[in-house]
Amino acid sequence: MIISTGANIDKNAILGNIKKLINQIYKLLPDREENIDWESPLSTIIVEISGMSELLDDHDILFPLLCKLEGLNKLKGEDDFPIYRKTIFECLNLLSSLREKVLEWQD
């Protein structure tokens, strides 16, 4: 698969990266519940998805995903946890949609 830089990247590498991001985002939930640092991993995820958005043309998924992830940084209070949790699952759904799109791409 040719990405925006002109590099030919195996579709399975992209799918593997999406799977890793899904796992990392899901892990933000128990980390926050157990008072483990979730903000540093969140920052790393945002950086990686920002880079992905430079390489892939699926901005209809990646842009709202980045918006939601950035918004998680504002949800730090105990009362914010329900919306934090809901937003995590929305992010996971967006990444699942991206995975489905990648599966449909021609090799």
N, C-alpha and C. Protein backbone atom coordinates (compact mmCIF):
# COMPACT_ATOMS: atom_id res chain seq x y z
N MET A 1 0.84 -1.16 0.00
CA MET A 1 0.00 0.00 0.00
C MET A 1 0.89 1.23 0.00
N ILE A 2 0.62 2.16 -0.88
CA ILE A 2 1.38 3.39 -0.97
C ILE A 2 0.74 4.43 -0.04
N ILE A 3 1.54 4.99 0.86
CA ILE A 3 1.04 6.03 1.76
C ILE A 3 1.45 7.39 1.23
N SER A 4 1.07 8.45 1.91
CA SER A 4 1.25 9.81 1.39
C SER A 4 2.71 10.17 1.12
N THR A 5 3.65 9.54 1.79
CA THR A 5 5.06 9.85 1.55
C THR A 5 5.60 9.13 0.32
N GLY A 6 4.79 8.26 -0.25
CA GLY A 6 5.22 7.47 -1.41
C GLY A 6 5.80 6.13 -1.02
N ALA A 7 5.94 5.88 0.27
CA ALA A 7 6.48 4.60 0.73
C ALA A 7 5.43 3.51 0.55
N ASN A 8 5.90 2.32 0.23
CA ASN A 8 5.02 1.18 0.09
C ASN A 8 5.02 0.41 1.41
N ILE A 9 3.92 0.51 2.14
CA ILE A 9 3.80 -0.11 3.47
C ILE A 9 2.81 -1.27 3.39
N ASP A 10 3.20 -2.40 3.96
CA ASP A 10 2.33 -3.56 4.00
C ASP A 10 1.08 -3.23 4.83
N LYS A 11 -0.07 -3.58 4.30
CA LYS A 11 -1.34 -3.31 4.97
C LYS A 11 -1.37 -3.92 6.37
N ASN A 12 -0.74 -5.09 6.53
CA ASN A 12 -0.72 -5.74 7.84
C ASN A 12 0.05 -4.93 8.88
N ALA A 13 1.03 -4.17 8.45
CA ALA A 13 1.76 -3.30 9.38
C ALA A 13 0.84 -2.20 9.89
N ILE A 14 0.03 -1.65 9.01
CA ILE A 14 -0.92 -0.61 9.42
C ILE A 14 -1.97 -1.20 10.35
N LEU A 15 -2.47 -2.38 10.01
CA LEU A 15 -3.47 -3.04 10.86
C LEU A 15 -2.89 -3.37 12.23
N GLY A 16 -1.63 -3.79 12.27
CA GLY A 16 -0.98 -4.08 13.54
C GLY A 16 -0.84 -2.84 14.40
N ASN A 17 -0.53 -1.72 13.75
CA ASN A 17 -0.40 -0.46 14.48
C ASN A 17 -1.75 -0.02 15.04
N ILE A 18 -2.81 -0.19 14.26
CA ILE A 18 -4.15 0.15 14.73
C ILE A 18 -4.53 -0.72 15.92
N LYS A 19 -4.22 -2.00 15.85
CA LYS A 19 -4.53 -2.92 16.96
C LYS A 19 -3.78 -2.48 18.22
N LYS A 20 -2.52 -2.10 18.08
CA LYS A 20 -1.73 -1.65 19.23
C LYS A 20 -2.34 -0.40 19.84
N LEU A 21 -2.78 0.54 18.98
CA LEU A 21 -3.41 1.77 19.47
C LEU A 21 -4.72 1.48 20.19
N ILE A 22 -5.50 0.55 19.67
CA ILE A 22 -6.75 0.15 20.33
C ILE A 22 -6.45 -0.35 21.74
N ASN A 23 -5.44 -1.19 21.87
CA ASN A 23 -5.07 -1.72 23.19
C ASN A 23 -4.58 -0.61 24.12
N GLN A 24 -3.79 0.31 23.59
CA GLN A 24 -3.26 1.40 24.41
C GLN A 24 -4.38 2.32 24.90
N ILE A 25 -5.32 2.61 24.01
CA ILE A 25 -6.43 3.48 24.40
C ILE A 25 -7.32 2.79 25.42
N TYR A 26 -7.59 1.52 25.21
CA TYR A 26 -8.42 0.78 26.16
C TYR A 26 -7.77 0.77 27.55
N LYS A 27 -6.46 0.65 27.59
CA LYS A 27 -5.72 0.59 28.86
C LYS A 27 -5.82 1.89 29.65
N LEU A 28 -6.18 2.99 28.98
CA LEU A 28 -6.34 4.25 29.70
C LEU A 28 -7.44 4.17 30.76
N LEU A 29 -8.44 3.34 30.52
CA LEU A 29 -9.55 3.21 31.49
C LEU A 29 -9.08 2.65 32.83
N PRO A 30 -8.50 1.44 32.85
CA PRO A 30 -8.07 0.92 34.16
C PRO A 30 -6.96 1.75 34.78
N ASP A 31 -6.12 2.34 33.96
CA ASP A 31 -5.06 3.20 34.53
C ASP A 31 -5.66 4.36 35.30
N ARG A 32 -6.66 4.98 34.72
CA ARG A 32 -7.29 6.11 35.42
C ARG A 32 -8.03 5.63 36.67
N GLU A 33 -8.74 4.52 36.55
CA GLU A 33 -9.49 3.99 37.71
C GLU A 33 -8.56 3.63 38.87
N GLU A 34 -7.35 3.16 38.55
CA GLU A 34 -6.40 2.73 39.57
C GLU A 34 -5.41 3.83 39.94
N ASN A 35 -5.68 5.06 39.49
CA ASN A 35 -4.82 6.21 39.77
C ASN A 35 -3.39 6.00 39.29
N ILE A 36 -3.24 5.30 38.17
CA ILE A 36 -1.94 5.14 37.51
C ILE A 36 -1.85 6.25 36.46
N ASP A 37 -0.65 6.71 36.19
CA ASP A 37 -0.46 7.78 35.20
C ASP A 37 -1.10 7.37 33.87
N TRP A 38 -2.12 8.07 33.49
CA TRP A 38 -2.78 7.84 32.19
C TRP A 38 -2.50 8.99 31.23
N GLU A 39 -2.03 10.11 31.76
CA GLU A 39 -1.82 11.28 30.92
C GLU A 39 -0.59 11.13 30.02
N SER A 40 0.48 10.54 30.53
CA SER A 40 1.67 10.33 29.69
C SER A 40 1.38 9.37 28.53
N PRO A 41 0.76 8.21 28.81
CA PRO A 41 0.41 7.34 27.68
C PRO A 41 -0.54 8.01 26.69
N LEU A 42 -1.48 8.82 27.20
CA LEU A 42 -2.40 9.54 26.31
C LEU A 42 -1.63 10.47 25.39
N SER A 43 -0.66 11.18 25.93
CA SER A 43 0.16 12.09 25.10
C SER A 43 0.89 11.32 24.01
N THR A 44 1.42 10.16 24.35
CA THR A 44 2.13 9.33 23.37
C THR A 44 1.18 8.86 22.26
N ILE A 45 -0.03 8.48 22.65
CA ILE A 45 -1.04 8.04 21.68
C ILE A 45 -1.39 9.19 20.73
N ILE A 46 -1.56 10.37 21.29
CA ILE A 46 -1.91 11.54 20.47
C ILE A 46 -0.79 11.83 19.46
N VAL A 47 0.45 11.75 19.90
CA VAL A 47 1.58 11.98 18.99
C VAL A 47 1.57 10.95 17.87
N GLU A 48 1.35 9.70 18.21
CA GLU A 48 1.37 8.64 17.19
C GLU A 48 0.22 8.81 16.19
N ILE A 49 -0.96 9.13 16.67
CA ILE A 49 -2.09 9.30 15.76
C ILE A 49 -1.91 10.57 14.92
N SER A 50 -1.31 11.60 15.49
CA SER A 50 -0.99 12.80 14.71
C SER A 50 -0.07 12.44 13.55
N GLY A 51 0.93 11.63 13.83
CA GLY A 51 1.82 11.18 12.77
C GLY A 51 1.11 10.33 11.73
N MET A 52 0.21 9.48 12.21
CA MET A 52 -0.57 8.64 11.31
C MET A 52 -1.42 9.49 10.38
N SER A 53 -1.94 10.60 10.91
CA SER A 53 -2.80 11.47 10.09
C SER A 53 -2.00 12.14 8.98
N GLU A 54 -0.68 12.25 9.15
CA GLU A 54 0.18 12.80 8.10
C GLU A 54 0.40 11.79 6.98
N LEU A 55 0.27 10.51 7.32
CA LEU A 55 0.58 9.45 6.36
C LEU A 55 -0.64 8.86 5.67
N LEU A 56 -1.76 8.85 6.37
CA LEU A 56 -2.98 8.26 5.81
C LEU A 56 -3.98 9.37 5.49
N ASP A 57 -4.81 9.13 4.51
CA ASP A 57 -5.76 10.14 4.07
C ASP A 57 -7.14 9.98 4.68
N ASP A 58 -7.26 9.28 5.79
CA ASP A 58 -8.57 9.06 6.41
C ASP A 58 -8.83 10.10 7.49
N HIS A 59 -8.85 11.36 7.09
CA HIS A 59 -9.02 12.44 8.06
C HIS A 59 -10.45 12.50 8.60
N ASP A 60 -11.40 11.89 7.90
CA ASP A 60 -12.76 11.86 8.41
C ASP A 60 -12.86 11.00 9.67
N ILE A 61 -11.89 10.14 9.91
CA ILE A 61 -11.83 9.34 11.13
C ILE A 61 -10.74 9.88 12.05
N LEU A 62 -9.59 10.18 11.52
CA LEU A 62 -8.46 10.57 12.36
C LEU A 62 -8.65 11.93 13.03
N PHE A 63 -9.29 12.88 12.35
CA PHE A 63 -9.49 14.19 12.95
C PHE A 63 -10.41 14.12 14.18
N PRO A 64 -11.61 13.51 14.08
CA PRO A 64 -12.44 13.43 15.30
C PRO A 64 -11.79 12.58 16.39
N LEU A 65 -11.00 11.58 15.99
CA LEU A 65 -10.29 10.76 16.97
C LEU A 65 -9.31 11.63 17.76
N LEU A 66 -8.54 12.44 17.06
CA LEU A 66 -7.59 13.33 17.73
C LEU A 66 -8.31 14.35 18.61
N CYS A 67 -9.43 14.86 18.14
CA CYS A 67 -10.21 15.82 18.94
C CYS A 67 -10.66 15.19 20.25
N LYS A 68 -11.17 13.97 20.18
CA LYS A 68 -11.65 13.29 21.38
C LYS A 68 -10.50 12.98 22.34
N LEU A 69 -9.39 12.52 21.78
CA LEU A 69 -8.24 12.21 22.64
C LEU A 69 -7.70 13.46 23.32
N GLU A 70 -7.62 14.55 22.59
CA GLU A 70 -7.18 15.82 23.19
C GLU A 70 -8.15 16.25 24.29
N GLY A 71 -9.43 16.03 24.06
CA GLY A 71 -10.44 16.40 25.03
C GLY A 71 -10.34 15.62 26.33
N LEU A 72 -9.81 14.39 26.26
CA LEU A 72 -9.65 13.60 27.48
C LEU A 72 -8.77 14.31 28.50
N ASN A 73 -7.84 15.12 28.02
CA ASN A 73 -6.95 15.86 28.92
C ASN A 73 -7.72 16.82 29.83
N LYS A 74 -8.92 17.21 29.44
CA LYS A 74 -9.74 18.14 30.23
C LYS A 74 -10.61 17.42 31.25
N LEU A 75 -10.72 16.11 31.14
CA LEU A 75 -11.63 15.33 31.98
C LEU A 75 -10.87 14.67 33.12
N LYS A 76 -10.48 15.46 34.10
CA LYS A 76 -9.62 14.96 35.18
C LYS A 76 -10.33 14.78 36.51
N GLY A 77 -11.50 15.36 36.66
CA GLY A 77 -12.22 15.26 37.92
C GLY A 77 -12.95 13.94 38.07
N GLU A 78 -13.28 13.58 39.32
CA GLU A 78 -14.03 12.35 39.57
C GLU A 78 -15.38 12.36 38.88
N ASP A 79 -16.02 13.51 38.85
CA ASP A 79 -17.33 13.63 38.21
C ASP A 79 -17.24 13.49 36.69
N ASP A 80 -16.05 13.65 36.15
CA ASP A 80 -15.84 13.56 34.70
C ASP A 80 -15.67 12.13 34.21
N PHE A 81 -15.52 11.16 35.13
CA PHE A 81 -15.20 9.80 34.68
C PHE A 81 -16.23 9.20 33.73
N PRO A 82 -17.54 9.38 33.94
CA PRO A 82 -18.48 8.78 32.97
C PRO A 82 -18.28 9.28 31.54
N ILE A 83 -18.03 10.57 31.36
CA ILE A 83 -17.82 11.08 30.01
C ILE A 83 -16.44 10.65 29.49
N TYR A 84 -15.47 10.54 30.38
CA TYR A 84 -14.14 10.03 30.02
C TYR A 84 -14.28 8.61 29.46
N ARG A 85 -15.00 7.78 30.19
CA ARG A 85 -15.21 6.38 29.77
C ARG A 85 -15.94 6.32 28.43
N LYS A 86 -17.00 7.11 28.30
CA LYS A 86 -17.77 7.14 27.05
C LYS A 86 -16.88 7.58 25.89
N THR A 87 -16.05 8.56 26.12
CA THR A 87 -15.16 9.07 25.07
C THR A 87 -14.12 8.02 24.68
N ILE A 88 -13.61 7.27 25.64
CA ILE A 88 -12.68 6.18 25.33
C ILE A 88 -13.34 5.20 24.37
N PHE A 89 -14.57 4.81 24.65
CA PHE A 89 -15.26 3.85 23.78
C PHE A 89 -15.57 4.45 22.41
N GLU A 90 -15.84 5.74 22.35
CA GLU A 90 -16.01 6.39 21.05
C GLU A 90 -14.71 6.36 20.25
N CYS A 91 -13.59 6.57 20.92
CA CYS A 91 -12.28 6.49 20.25
C CYS A 91 -12.02 5.08 19.73
N LEU A 92 -12.36 4.09 20.54
CA LEU A 92 -12.17 2.70 20.12
C LEU A 92 -13.03 2.39 18.90
N ASN A 93 -14.25 2.91 18.87
CA ASN A 93 -15.12 2.71 17.71
C ASN A 93 -14.54 3.37 16.46
N LEU A 94 -13.99 4.56 16.61
CA LEU A 94 -13.37 5.24 15.47
C LEU A 94 -12.19 4.43 14.93
N LEU A 95 -11.36 3.92 15.83
CA LEU A 95 -10.23 3.10 15.37
C LEU A 95 -10.70 1.81 14.73
N SER A 96 -11.77 1.24 15.23
CA SER A 96 -12.33 0.03 14.59
C SER A 96 -12.83 0.36 13.19
N SER A 97 -13.42 1.52 13.02
CA SER A 97 -13.86 1.95 11.69
C SER A 97 -12.67 2.13 10.76
N LEU A 98 -11.59 2.69 11.28
CA LEU A 98 -10.38 2.85 10.47
C LEU A 98 -9.83 1.49 10.07
N ARG A 99 -9.83 0.55 11.01
CA ARG A 99 -9.36 -0.81 10.70
C ARG A 99 -10.19 -1.42 9.57
N GLU A 100 -11.50 -1.25 9.62
CA GLU A 100 -12.37 -1.78 8.57
C GLU A 100 -12.06 -1.14 7.21
N LYS A 101 -11.79 0.15 7.21
CA LYS A 101 -11.43 0.84 5.94
C LYS A 101 -10.13 0.30 5.38
N VAL A 102 -9.16 0.10 6.27
CA VAL A 102 -7.85 -0.42 5.82
C VAL A 102 -8.02 -1.83 5.26
N LEU A 103 -8.85 -2.63 5.87
CA LEU A 103 -9.10 -3.98 5.37
C LEU A 103 -9.66 -3.96 3.94
N GLU A 104 -10.40 -2.91 3.61
CA GLU A 104 -11.01 -2.81 2.28
C GLU A 104 -10.04 -2.30 1.22
N TRP A 105 -8.92 -1.70 1.64
CA TRP A 105 -7.97 -1.14 0.67
C TRP A 105 -7.36 -2.23 -0.18
N GLN A 106 -7.11 -1.88 -1.43
CA GLN A 106 -6.42 -2.79 -2.33
C GLN A 106 -4.95 -2.85 -1.99
N ASP A 107 -4.36 -4.03 -2.07
CA ASP A 107 -2.91 -4.17 -1.81
C ASP A 107 -2.09 -3.64 -2.96
